Amino acid sequence: MQLTAIATAIPDVLILEPKVFGDERGFFFESFNAKAFAQATGCQSQFVQDNHSKSAKNVLRGLHYQIQNPQGKLVRVVQGEVFDVAVDLRKGSKFFGQWVGVHLSGENKKQLWVPEGFAHGFVVLSDSAEFLYKTTDYYAPEYERSLLWSDPAIGIEWPIDGEPKLAAKDVAGKLLADADLFA
């Protein structure tokens, strides 16, 4: 598998671009290969769970993280387009409180590696989007936390007009100043 890793403003968060083979019949690419992932990222993570969501335009999911049993996430979109965001919640990081955002779509086939210690979220830009992600630990609702998507201390520049559609847990997300953080 040919996989290119592209650094973001936070070096631990990586954009991954697989080699896509296409012709008039369609396309083919390996969406995951453990050996290629380890070579491209330097991470020896083992994925234990796959998740798939479908959301309508302007749905914003996040910013989620698990304070215990933290999850690294390898995310991608198979239909539609999202703006995907990772926020560094590692107190000892020089990037603490900073964010990176990437457009992921079924068209561009990019993936984003979000390691443990980050809050993660996305907003749907197309009429709908199907979002897939692999996680390095199991979902543990008792440890799940939500960081407020609109916290001015973080200042995420969400590319949306108006208010997003949110779940109750995301409306109740905490400000960075009040959030549980990673050491």
Protein backbone atom coordinates (compact mmCIF):
# COMPACT_ATOMS: atom_id res chain seq x y z
CA MET A 1 0.00 0.00 0.00
CA GLN A 2 1.25 3.47 -0.82
CA LEU A 3 0.31 5.96 1.88
CA THR A 4 1.52 9.53 2.20
CA ALA A 5 1.53 11.22 5.62
CA ILE A 6 1.22 15.01 5.64
CA ALA A 7 2.02 16.96 8.79
CA THR A 8 -0.48 19.46 10.18
CA ALA A 9 0.18 22.48 12.42
CA ILE A 10 0.10 19.98 15.30
CA PRO A 11 2.69 17.38 14.22
CA ASP A 12 1.03 14.42 15.99
CA VAL A 13 -2.14 14.90 13.93
CA LEU A 14 -1.55 13.64 10.39
CA ILE A 15 -3.41 13.79 7.10
CA LEU A 16 -3.07 10.47 5.31
CA GLU A 17 -3.48 10.19 1.55
CA PRO A 18 -3.77 6.70 0.12
CA LYS A 19 -2.72 5.90 -3.43
CA VAL A 20 -5.94 5.68 -5.45
CA PHE A 21 -6.03 3.64 -8.65
CA GLY A 22 -8.79 4.76 -10.99
CA ASP A 23 -9.99 4.48 -14.55
CA GLU A 24 -13.27 4.74 -16.46
CA ARG A 25 -14.65 1.80 -14.43
CA GLY A 26 -14.19 3.46 -11.04
CA PHE A 27 -11.43 3.31 -8.44
CA PHE A 28 -9.66 1.07 -5.93
CA PHE A 29 -7.52 1.82 -2.88
CA GLU A 30 -6.58 0.17 0.38
CA SER A 31 -8.40 2.15 3.04
CA PHE A 32 -6.30 0.57 5.79
CA ASN A 33 -3.14 -1.51 5.97
CA ALA A 34 -1.53 -1.87 9.42
CA LYS A 35 2.02 -2.06 8.05
CA ALA A 36 1.62 1.01 5.83
CA PHE A 37 -0.10 2.93 8.66
CA ALA A 38 2.78 2.16 11.05
CA GLN A 39 5.38 3.17 8.46
CA ALA A 40 3.58 6.43 7.57
CA THR A 41 2.77 7.52 11.14
CA GLY A 42 5.37 5.84 13.33
CA CYS A 43 2.46 4.57 15.46
CA GLN A 44 2.06 0.93 16.38
CA SER A 45 -1.59 1.40 17.35
CA GLN A 46 -3.98 -1.50 17.27
CA PHE A 47 -7.52 -0.65 16.21
CA VAL A 48 -10.28 -2.43 18.14
CA GLN A 49 -13.51 -0.82 16.93
CA ASP A 50 -14.94 0.58 13.69
CA ASN A 51 -17.75 3.15 13.71
CA HIS A 52 -19.95 4.51 10.91
CA SER A 53 -22.24 7.52 11.13
CA LYS A 54 -24.46 9.35 8.68
CA SER A 55 -25.37 12.97 9.31
CA ALA A 56 -27.28 15.75 7.57
CA LYS A 57 -25.93 19.15 6.53
CA ASN A 58 -24.85 21.41 9.42
CA VAL A 59 -24.81 18.56 11.95
CA LEU A 60 -21.86 19.13 14.24
CA ARG A 61 -20.66 16.14 16.26
CA GLY A 62 -18.12 16.90 18.96
CA LEU A 63 -15.83 17.81 20.34
CA HIS A 64 -15.59 14.37 21.99
CA TYR A 65 -12.91 12.51 23.92
CA GLN A 66 -12.58 9.86 26.62
CA ILE A 67 -10.64 10.97 29.68
CA GLN A 68 -9.89 7.34 30.58
CA ASN A 69 -9.49 4.66 27.92
CA PRO A 70 -8.56 7.42 25.45
CA GLN A 71 -9.15 6.66 21.81
CA GLY A 72 -6.87 7.35 18.90
CA LYS A 73 -9.03 7.74 15.80
CA LEU A 74 -8.35 7.16 12.12
CA VAL A 75 -11.21 8.93 10.36
CA ARG A 76 -12.46 9.28 6.79
CA VAL A 77 -15.55 10.18 4.79
CA VAL A 78 -16.99 7.80 2.20
CA GLN A 79 -19.85 10.03 1.00
CA GLY A 80 -20.21 13.79 1.23
CA GLU A 81 -17.89 16.31 2.88
CA VAL A 82 -17.06 17.34 6.43
CA PHE A 83 -14.74 19.76 8.17
CA ASP A 84 -12.91 17.59 10.70
CA VAL A 85 -11.23 19.04 13.81
CA ALA A 86 -8.77 17.85 16.46
CA VAL A 87 -8.01 19.88 19.64
CA ASP A 88 -4.90 19.13 21.73
CA LEU A 89 -5.93 18.47 25.36
CA ARG A 90 -2.54 17.28 26.60
CA LYS A 91 -1.55 19.69 29.39
CA GLY A 92 2.17 19.14 28.79
CA SER A 93 2.03 19.73 25.03
CA LYS A 94 3.35 22.92 23.48
CA PHE A 95 0.23 22.74 21.29
CA PHE A 96 -2.19 22.54 24.25
CA GLY A 97 -5.52 24.19 23.42
CA GLN A 98 -4.69 24.52 19.72
CA TRP A 99 -6.71 22.97 16.92
CA VAL A 100 -6.31 21.76 13.36
CA GLY A 101 -9.06 21.35 10.80
CA VAL A 102 -9.14 19.40 7.55
CA HIS A 103 -11.72 18.96 4.79
CA LEU A 104 -12.43 15.26 4.34
CA SER A 105 -14.67 13.97 1.59
CA GLY A 106 -15.65 10.93 -0.38
CA GLU A 107 -14.05 12.70 -3.32
CA ASN A 108 -10.61 13.48 -1.85
CA LYS A 109 -10.36 10.19 0.12
CA LYS A 110 -8.08 11.81 2.71
CA GLN A 111 -7.94 10.37 6.21
CA LEU A 112 -7.02 12.04 9.48
CA TRP A 113 -5.06 10.38 12.28
CA VAL A 114 -6.13 11.87 15.64
CA PRO A 115 -4.02 10.34 18.43
CA GLU A 116 -5.02 9.82 22.04
CA GLY A 117 -5.11 13.06 24.05
CA PHE A 118 -7.20 15.05 21.58
CA ALA A 119 -10.84 16.08 21.41
CA HIS A 120 -12.36 15.36 18.01
CA GLY A 121 -15.36 16.60 16.08
CA PHE A 122 -16.70 17.42 12.65
CA VAL A 123 -19.40 19.40 10.90
CA VAL A 124 -21.16 18.23 7.74
CA LEU A 125 -20.78 20.61 4.78
CA SER A 126 -22.64 18.61 2.11
CA ASP A 127 -26.34 17.64 2.09
CA SER A 128 -25.31 14.53 4.04
CA ALA A 129 -22.12 12.67 4.86
CA GLU A 130 -21.12 9.16 5.87
CA PHE A 131 -18.21 9.16 8.28
CA LEU A 132 -16.08 6.12 9.21
CA TYR A 133 -13.56 5.84 11.99
CA LYS A 134 -11.36 3.24 13.57
CA THR A 135 -10.55 3.57 17.28
CA THR A 136 -7.66 2.31 19.39
CA ASP A 137 -9.87 1.66 22.42
CA TYR A 138 -13.50 0.74 22.99
CA TYR A 139 -16.23 3.30 23.54
CA ALA A 140 -16.65 3.86 27.28
CA PRO A 141 -19.61 6.21 27.86
CA GLU A 142 -18.72 6.71 31.53
CA TYR A 143 -15.45 8.37 30.47
CA GLU A 144 -16.77 10.33 27.49
CA ARG A 145 -16.44 14.10 27.70
CA SER A 146 -17.51 16.93 25.41
CA LEU A 147 -15.57 20.12 24.87
CA LEU A 148 -17.73 23.07 23.80
CA TRP A 149 -17.51 23.37 20.02
CA SER A 150 -17.70 27.18 20.17
CA ASP A 151 -15.28 27.87 23.04
CA PRO A 152 -13.73 31.28 22.24
CA ALA A 153 -10.52 30.27 24.06
CA ILE A 154 -9.98 27.66 21.32
CA GLY A 155 -11.41 29.72 18.47
CA ILE A 156 -12.22 27.02 15.93
CA GLU A 157 -13.15 28.57 12.60
CA TRP A 158 -16.03 26.29 11.64
CA PRO A 159 -16.95 26.86 7.95
CA ILE A 160 -20.71 27.06 8.53
CA ASP A 161 -23.39 29.70 8.24
CA GLY A 162 -25.72 29.99 11.21
CA GLU A 163 -26.04 27.61 14.11
CA PRO A 164 -25.13 23.94 13.73
CA LYS A 165 -27.45 21.06 14.64
CA LEU A 166 -26.17 19.65 17.94
CA ALA A 167 -26.87 16.75 20.29
CA ALA A 168 -27.73 17.67 23.88
CA LYS A 169 -24.32 16.49 25.11
CA ASP A 170 -22.60 18.86 22.66
CA VAL A 171 -24.75 21.82 23.69
CA ALA A 172 -23.62 21.06 27.28
CA GLY A 173 -19.94 20.75 26.34
CA LYS A 174 -17.43 22.29 28.74
CA LEU A 175 -15.12 25.20 28.14
CA LEU A 176 -11.43 24.35 27.91
CA ALA A 177 -10.87 26.13 31.25
CA ASP A 178 -13.32 23.73 32.96
CA ALA A 179 -12.63 20.53 30.99
CA ASP A 180 -11.00 17.34 32.20
CA LEU A 181 -7.57 17.19 30.55
CA PHE A 182 -4.81 14.70 29.75
CA ALA A 183 -1.54 14.81 31.68
